[in-house]
Amino acid sequence: MQARMSNPTMILPDTMKPIQALLKATREGGVPQTTLELVHLRASQINGCSFCVDSGAR
């Protein structure tokens, strides 16, 4: 995958806290962790965020 952007939080540092809050809310919502990881991976692929794909695959 060709990166559309590098680590987005380095480009837009003010987005880190809201993203973390969103991730925390989804983890506490009762959706299985495996499902959340698959959704994150697919959204990262669609968005072209190779950093997110790489970090989600680890």
C-alpha atoms as a PDB file:
ATOM      1  CA  MET A   1       0.000   0.000   0.000  1.00  0.00           C
ATOM      2  CA  GLN A   2       1.315   3.414  -0.883  1.00  0.00           C
ATOM      3  CA  ALA A   3       1.011   5.819   2.012  1.00  0.00           C
ATOM      4  CA  ARG A   4      -1.461   8.615   1.461  1.00  0.00           C
ATOM      5  CA  MET A   5      -0.229  10.196   4.674  1.00  0.00           C
ATOM      6  CA  SER A   6       2.372   9.492   7.296  1.00  0.00           C
ATOM      7  CA  ASN A   7       1.346   9.274  10.935  1.00  0.00           C
ATOM      8  CA  PRO A   8      -1.687  11.610  10.935  1.00  0.00           C
ATOM      9  CA  THR A   9      -1.121  12.666  14.541  1.00  0.00           C
ATOM     10  CA  MET A  10       2.251  14.119  13.547  1.00  0.00           C
ATOM     11  CA  ILE A  11       0.568  16.254  10.875  1.00  0.00           C
ATOM     12  CA  LEU A  12      -2.420  17.184  13.065  1.00  0.00           C
ATOM     13  CA  PRO A  13      -1.219  16.813  16.686  1.00  0.00           C
ATOM     14  CA  ASP A  14      -4.485  18.173  18.119  1.00  0.00           C
ATOM     15  CA  THR A  15      -6.283  15.076  16.835  1.00  0.00           C
ATOM     16  CA  MET A  16      -4.535  12.624  19.164  1.00  0.00           C
ATOM     17  CA  LYS A  17      -6.685  13.154  22.285  1.00  0.00           C
ATOM     18  CA  PRO A  18     -10.046  13.037  20.433  1.00  0.00           C
ATOM     19  CA  ILE A  19      -8.955   9.883  18.584  1.00  0.00           C
ATOM     20  CA  GLN A  20      -7.932   8.260  21.871  1.00  0.00           C
ATOM     21  CA  ALA A  21     -11.295   9.206  23.416  1.00  0.00           C
ATOM     22  CA  LEU A  22     -13.121   7.703  20.441  1.00  0.00           C
ATOM     23  CA  LEU A  23     -11.133   4.474  20.691  1.00  0.00           C
ATOM     24  CA  LYS A  24     -11.806   4.257  24.434  1.00  0.00           C
ATOM     25  CA  ALA A  25     -15.547   4.709  23.864  1.00  0.00           C
ATOM     26  CA  THR A  26     -15.625   1.962  21.230  1.00  0.00           C
ATOM     27  CA  ARG A  27     -13.730  -0.452  23.498  1.00  0.00           C
ATOM     28  CA  GLU A  28     -16.270   0.153  26.262  1.00  0.00           C
ATOM     29  CA  GLY A  29     -19.264  -0.317  23.946  1.00  0.00           C
ATOM     30  CA  GLY A  30     -19.490  -4.096  24.138  1.00  0.00           C
ATOM     31  CA  VAL A  31     -18.303  -4.874  20.594  1.00  0.00           C
ATOM     32  CA  PRO A  32     -15.834  -7.788  20.533  1.00  0.00           C
ATOM     33  CA  GLN A  33     -12.185  -6.677  20.308  1.00  0.00           C
ATOM     34  CA  THR A  34     -11.588  -8.767  17.179  1.00  0.00           C
ATOM     35  CA  THR A  35     -14.443  -7.006  15.390  1.00  0.00           C
ATOM     36  CA  LEU A  36     -13.097  -3.590  16.397  1.00  0.00           C
ATOM     37  CA  GLU A  37      -9.651  -4.493  15.075  1.00  0.00           C
ATOM     38  CA  LEU A  38     -11.088  -5.659  11.754  1.00  0.00           C
ATOM     39  CA  VAL A  39     -13.145  -2.469  11.394  1.00  0.00           C
ATOM     40  CA  HIS A  40     -10.085  -0.355  12.197  1.00  0.00           C
ATOM     41  CA  LEU A  41      -7.975  -2.252   9.679  1.00  0.00           C
ATOM     42  CA  ARG A  42     -10.556  -1.877   6.904  1.00  0.00           C
ATOM     43  CA  ALA A  43     -11.138   1.827   7.613  1.00  0.00           C
ATOM     44  CA  SER A  44      -7.374   2.352   7.521  1.00  0.00           C
ATOM     45  CA  GLN A  45      -7.168   0.595   4.161  1.00  0.00           C
ATOM     46  CA  ILE A  46     -10.006   2.698   2.747  1.00  0.00           C
ATOM     47  CA  ASN A  47      -8.424   5.903   4.088  1.00  0.00           C
ATOM     48  CA  GLY A  48      -5.023   4.957   2.698  1.00  0.00           C
ATOM     49  CA  CYS A  49      -3.315   5.297   6.070  1.00  0.00           C
ATOM     50  CA  SER A  50      -0.406   2.872   5.832  1.00  0.00           C
ATOM     51  CA  PHE A  51       0.751   3.862   9.335  1.00  0.00           C
ATOM     52  CA  CYS A  52      -2.639   2.771  10.734  1.00  0.00           C
ATOM     53  CA  VAL A  53      -2.674  -0.447   8.684  1.00  0.00           C
ATOM     54  CA  ASP A  54       0.814  -1.299   9.898  1.00  0.00           C
ATOM     55  CA  SER A  55       0.082  -0.506  13.544  1.00  0.00           C
ATOM     56  CA  GLY A  56      -3.234  -2.366  13.400  1.00  0.00           C
ATOM     57  CA  ALA A  57      -1.628  -5.473  11.981  1.00  0.00           C
ATOM     58  CA  ARG A  58       0.779  -5.803  14.918  1.00  0.00           C
END
